[in-house]
Protein backbone atom coordinates (compact mmCIF):
# COMPACT_ATOMS: atom_id res chain seq x y z
CA MET A 1 43.65 162.13 146.55
CA ASN A 2 43.24 160.57 143.11
CA GLU A 3 39.99 161.02 141.24
CA LEU A 4 37.41 158.24 141.46
CA ILE A 5 37.66 155.82 138.54
CA THR A 6 34.17 155.37 137.12
CA SER A 7 34.83 153.93 133.65
CA ARG A 8 35.78 150.37 132.73
CA SER A 9 37.78 151.81 129.81
CA ASN A 10 40.09 153.75 132.16
CA SER A 11 43.79 153.01 131.54
CA LYS A 12 44.24 151.80 135.14
CA VAL A 13 41.43 149.27 134.69
CA LYS A 14 43.00 148.10 131.43
CA PHE A 15 46.34 147.70 133.24
CA ILE A 16 44.79 145.39 135.83
CA LYS A 17 42.97 143.38 133.19
CA SER A 18 46.13 143.03 131.12
CA ILE A 19 47.86 141.38 134.11
CA GLN A 20 44.91 139.05 134.60
CA ALA A 21 44.79 138.20 130.89
CA LYS A 22 48.44 137.15 130.83
CA LYS A 23 47.57 134.49 133.45
CA SER A 24 51.19 134.13 134.60
CA SER A 25 53.31 136.59 136.57
CA ARG A 26 56.28 135.19 134.65
CA ILE A 27 54.93 137.01 131.57
CA SER A 28 53.68 140.29 133.05
CA GLY A 29 56.11 140.73 135.93
CA PHE A 30 53.15 141.56 138.19
CA PHE A 31 50.43 139.70 140.04
CA ILE A 32 47.12 140.67 141.65
CA VAL A 33 46.41 140.40 145.37
CA GLU A 34 42.79 140.66 146.51
CA GLY A 35 41.20 141.10 149.91
CA ILE A 36 41.91 143.04 153.09
CA HIS A 37 44.05 140.36 154.77
CA HIS A 38 46.19 139.57 151.73
CA VAL A 39 46.76 143.21 150.73
CA GLY A 40 47.58 143.96 154.36
CA GLU A 41 50.17 141.17 154.45
CA ALA A 42 51.78 142.44 151.24
CA ILE A 43 52.03 145.98 152.58
CA GLU A 44 53.35 144.83 155.96
CA ALA A 45 55.98 142.64 154.28
CA MET A 46 57.01 145.63 152.16
CA GLN A 47 57.39 147.72 155.32
CA ALA A 48 59.48 144.94 156.88
CA GLY A 49 61.91 144.91 153.96
CA LYS A 50 61.02 141.43 152.72
CA GLY A 51 61.69 142.28 149.09
CA ILE A 52 58.01 142.85 148.29
CA SER A 53 57.16 145.86 146.14
CA VAL A 54 53.51 146.91 146.01
CA HIS A 55 53.11 148.79 142.73
CA SER A 56 49.60 150.19 143.28
CA VAL A 57 46.43 149.75 145.32
CA TYR A 58 42.82 150.02 144.09
CA TYR A 59 39.79 150.23 146.33
CA ALA A 60 36.04 150.80 146.23
CA PRO A 61 34.99 153.14 149.07
CA GLU A 62 31.43 151.80 148.99
CA LEU A 63 32.61 148.20 149.41
CA LEU A 64 35.54 148.64 151.78
CA LYS A 65 34.64 148.09 155.44
CA GLY A 66 36.49 148.27 158.76
CA ASP A 67 39.15 150.38 160.46
CA PHE A 68 42.01 148.14 159.32
CA ALA A 69 41.01 148.61 155.69
CA GLY A 70 41.01 152.38 156.17
CA LYS A 71 44.49 152.23 157.69
CA LEU A 72 45.76 150.33 154.65
CA ILE A 73 44.57 153.12 152.37
CA ASN A 74 46.14 155.77 154.59
CA ILE A 75 49.51 154.01 154.78
CA THR A 76 49.92 153.92 151.00
CA ASP A 77 50.89 157.60 151.02
CA THR A 78 53.58 156.97 153.63
CA LEU A 79 55.08 154.17 151.53
CA GLY A 80 54.74 156.00 148.24
CA ILE A 81 52.28 153.47 146.81
CA ALA A 82 49.95 154.80 144.13
CA CYS A 83 46.39 154.44 145.38
CA PHE A 84 43.24 154.79 143.28
CA PRO A 85 39.56 154.79 144.33
CA MET A 86 37.04 153.06 142.06
CA SER A 87 33.29 152.95 141.83
CA ASP A 88 31.86 149.70 143.13
CA TYR A 89 30.71 148.79 139.59
CA VAL A 90 34.21 149.18 138.15
CA PHE A 91 35.88 147.38 141.04
CA ILE A 92 33.56 144.38 140.74
CA SER A 93 34.41 144.21 137.03
CA VAL A 94 38.11 143.64 137.80
CA ALA A 95 37.75 141.56 140.97
CA GLU A 96 38.23 137.82 140.55
CA LYS A 97 36.43 136.86 143.76
CA GLU A 98 32.68 136.87 144.24
CA ASN A 99 31.50 139.40 146.83
CA PRO A 100 34.87 141.24 146.82
CA GLN A 101 36.00 143.10 149.93
CA GLY A 102 36.74 146.23 147.94
CA ILE A 103 40.54 146.30 147.80
CA LEU A 104 43.22 144.83 145.58
CA ALA A 105 46.89 145.47 144.95
CA VAL A 106 49.22 145.08 142.00
CA VAL A 107 52.47 143.59 143.28
CA GLU A 108 55.77 143.11 141.45
CA ARG A 109 56.87 139.51 141.02
CA LYS A 110 59.97 138.68 143.07
CA VAL A 111 61.88 135.40 142.88
CA TYR A 112 65.41 134.64 143.96
CA PRO A 113 68.29 132.64 142.47
CA LEU A 114 69.74 129.72 144.40
CA SER A 115 73.07 131.55 144.50
CA ALA A 116 71.55 133.99 147.01
CA PHE A 117 71.26 131.25 149.64
CA ASN A 118 73.40 128.95 151.74
CA PRO A 119 73.06 127.14 155.10
CA GLN A 120 73.47 130.45 156.95
CA ASN A 121 70.34 132.05 155.50
CA PHE A 122 68.48 128.95 154.25
CA ARG A 123 68.84 126.32 156.95
CA TRP A 124 65.93 124.16 155.81
CA GLY A 125 63.06 124.27 153.39
CA VAL A 126 61.19 122.56 150.57
CA ALA A 127 62.05 121.93 146.93
CA LEU A 128 59.21 121.00 144.54
CA VAL A 129 59.85 119.46 141.13
CA ALA A 130 57.46 120.90 138.52
CA ALA A 131 54.46 121.20 140.86
CA GLN A 132 51.36 121.67 138.70
CA ASP A 133 48.79 122.99 141.16
CA ALA A 134 49.13 126.62 142.28
CA GLY A 135 46.90 125.95 145.28
CA ASN A 136 49.30 123.25 146.47
CA ILE A 137 52.20 125.69 146.18
CA GLY A 138 50.39 128.28 148.29
CA THR A 139 49.36 125.72 150.90
CA ILE A 140 52.92 124.42 151.14
CA MET A 141 54.20 127.96 151.62
CA ARG A 142 51.71 128.40 154.46
CA THR A 143 53.04 125.24 156.13
CA ILE A 144 56.65 126.35 155.56
CA ASP A 145 55.79 129.49 157.48
CA ALA A 146 54.02 127.49 160.21
CA VAL A 147 57.11 125.40 160.96
CA ASN A 148 59.45 128.39 160.53
CA ALA A 149 61.33 126.84 157.63
CA ASP A 150 63.25 129.23 155.41
CA GLY A 151 61.59 129.10 152.00
CA LEU A 152 60.45 127.30 148.88
CA ILE A 153 62.52 126.19 145.89
CA LEU A 154 60.64 125.50 142.64
CA LEU A 155 62.51 123.27 140.21
CA ASP A 156 61.99 122.92 136.46
CA GLY A 157 59.01 125.23 136.14
CA GLY A 158 55.50 124.17 137.00
CA ALA A 159 52.59 126.29 138.20
CA ASP A 160 53.01 130.01 138.83
CA PRO A 161 53.73 130.56 142.56
CA PHE A 162 52.04 133.97 142.31
CA HIS A 163 48.84 132.75 140.70
CA SER A 164 45.76 133.98 142.57
CA HIS A 165 45.10 130.44 143.84
CA ALA A 166 48.60 130.28 145.33
CA VAL A 167 48.33 133.72 146.92
CA ARG A 168 44.99 132.89 148.55
CA ALA A 169 46.08 129.44 149.73
CA SER A 170 49.24 130.88 151.28
CA MET A 171 47.18 133.27 153.45
CA GLY A 172 49.77 135.97 152.86
CA THR A 173 52.79 133.92 153.93
CA LEU A 174 54.00 134.03 150.32
CA PHE A 175 55.14 137.61 150.99
CA TRP A 176 57.31 136.68 153.97
CA ARG A 177 59.39 133.72 152.73
CA PRO A 178 61.59 133.63 149.62
CA VAL A 179 60.48 131.80 146.50
CA VAL A 180 63.42 130.44 144.50
CA GLU A 181 63.27 129.19 140.91
CA ALA A 182 65.99 126.96 139.47
CA THR A 183 66.64 123.97 137.27
CA PHE A 184 67.19 120.57 138.80
CA ASP A 185 70.82 120.62 137.60
CA GLU A 186 71.40 123.94 139.41
CA PHE A 187 69.79 122.47 142.51
CA ARG A 188 72.04 119.40 142.39
CA GLU A 189 75.17 121.57 142.23
CA TRP A 190 73.92 123.79 145.06
CA ILE A 191 73.12 120.82 147.29
CA MET A 192 76.55 119.33 146.77
CA GLN A 193 78.34 122.65 147.24
CA TYR A 194 76.80 123.20 150.68
CA SER A 195 76.37 119.56 151.80
CA TYR A 196 72.64 119.73 152.38
CA HIS A 197 70.87 116.63 153.67
CA VAL A 198 68.13 115.83 151.14
CA LEU A 199 65.04 113.90 152.18
CA GLY A 200 62.54 112.44 149.70
CA THR A 201 59.34 110.42 149.85
CA SER A 202 58.10 107.42 147.92
CA ALA A 203 55.25 104.97 148.36
CA HIS A 204 57.81 102.23 147.68
CA ALA A 205 60.37 103.36 150.27
CA ARG A 206 61.00 100.72 152.95
CA GLN A 207 61.51 103.13 155.82
CA ASP A 208 58.49 104.71 157.53
CA TYR A 209 58.98 108.47 157.91
CA ARG A 210 58.55 108.10 161.68
CA GLU A 211 61.55 105.79 161.94
CA GLY A 212 65.20 106.71 161.94
CA THR A 213 64.77 110.30 163.02
CA PRO A 214 66.22 112.87 163.64
CA TYR A 215 66.52 114.63 160.30
CA PRO A 216 69.73 116.66 160.52
CA GLN A 217 70.12 120.16 159.12
CA PRO A 218 70.90 121.87 156.80
CA ALA A 219 68.12 119.98 155.07
CA ILE A 220 65.88 120.11 152.04
CA LEU A 221 62.66 118.16 151.65
CA LEU A 222 62.49 117.23 147.96
CA MET A 223 59.00 116.46 146.66
CA GLY A 224 58.02 115.33 143.17
CA SER A 225 55.12 116.53 141.04
CA GLU A 226 51.53 115.60 141.81
CA GLN A 227 51.29 113.07 138.98
CA LYS A 228 54.77 111.57 138.75
CA GLY A 229 56.45 111.93 142.12
CA LEU A 230 60.25 111.76 142.10
CA THR A 231 62.06 110.13 139.20
CA GLN A 232 64.92 107.72 139.78
CA GLU A 233 67.41 110.47 138.98
CA GLN A 234 65.79 112.82 141.49
CA SER A 235 65.52 110.14 144.15
CA SER A 236 69.22 109.36 143.77
CA LEU A 237 70.00 112.83 145.10
CA CYS A 238 68.21 112.01 148.36
CA GLU A 239 70.23 110.88 151.34
CA LYS A 240 67.12 109.18 152.67
CA MET A 241 63.83 108.06 151.09
CA VAL A 242 60.89 107.45 153.40
CA SER A 243 57.25 106.46 153.02
CA ILE A 244 54.07 107.78 154.59
CA PRO A 245 51.88 104.79 155.53
CA MET A 246 48.51 104.58 153.79
CA LYS A 247 45.96 102.54 155.78
CA GLY A 248 42.90 103.01 153.57
CA ARG A 249 42.06 102.66 149.89
CA ALA A 250 43.96 105.76 148.69
CA SER A 251 47.49 105.02 147.53
CA SER A 252 48.91 108.46 148.19
CA LEU A 253 48.30 111.83 149.81
CA ASN A 254 47.77 115.20 148.16
CA LEU A 255 51.16 116.89 147.57
CA ALA A 256 50.51 119.70 150.02
CA VAL A 257 49.28 117.30 152.71
CA ALA A 258 52.25 114.95 152.28
CA THR A 259 54.64 117.91 152.42
CA GLY A 260 52.98 119.13 155.60
CA VAL A 261 53.32 115.72 157.26
CA MET A 262 57.03 115.64 156.43
CA LEU A 263 57.71 119.22 157.50
CA TYR A 264 56.24 118.55 160.93
CA ALA A 265 58.28 115.36 161.17
CA MET A 266 61.40 117.43 160.47
CA LEU A 267 60.38 120.26 162.80
CA GLY A 268 62.66 120.89 165.73
CA GLU A 269 65.79 119.15 164.48
CA GLY A 270 68.50 121.76 164.66
CA GLU A 271 66.02 124.55 165.40
CA PRO A 272 66.62 126.87 168.37
């Protein structure tokens, strides 16, 4: 068992803080996962061969409660994950959440190229153009998991999909579905190569999303950024543009909510 870390100047503590200071996993190559549920999901996904690699686990024995938490610590040896105990004072100094549960993990960033996918292993999913809110990305990944879609494609940058807000909002589903990063030009070529049906939304579209179903697969739901929506060029790639009716004063829905509405509208078409 590793020695208890009791100093905030310990090299392991500095390693965690360096990841946090970089703000983006694109820079450091790592991201931080906090909490019993989220660390448990990361470890279980690693066991299941989902491409997740947990670099190290840190825990505060005085803060960590419950049998499941103890099992997580024990399983790190089996998986060859470095595991380090910390004093509660030191752990609180690196935790981002108030009242931390006493466990966090450093996980290696893993994204996939579009070339790794086709209609056989990516039957349907979501593509977001430069989404700016990490919480929206995590919430959308949670909904992708809920409808058993295949993954998330992030186009032309945007928020970090492994930001702490995204990880928490995803409720661990981020570890089970692939995250793909590509340019819009690469996406256009991929769509055409495999004859995907592309669906988009616009407040100005004439067709209500509830009309003209079903939505055939293979299919991609293409959603624009929170501020700008889809441009004319992006909309032109869509086989169908539909609107979500707004009955009150608001002119549009939050990106994650609108994506959820559309995913459930598409659910079941072509699914076993």
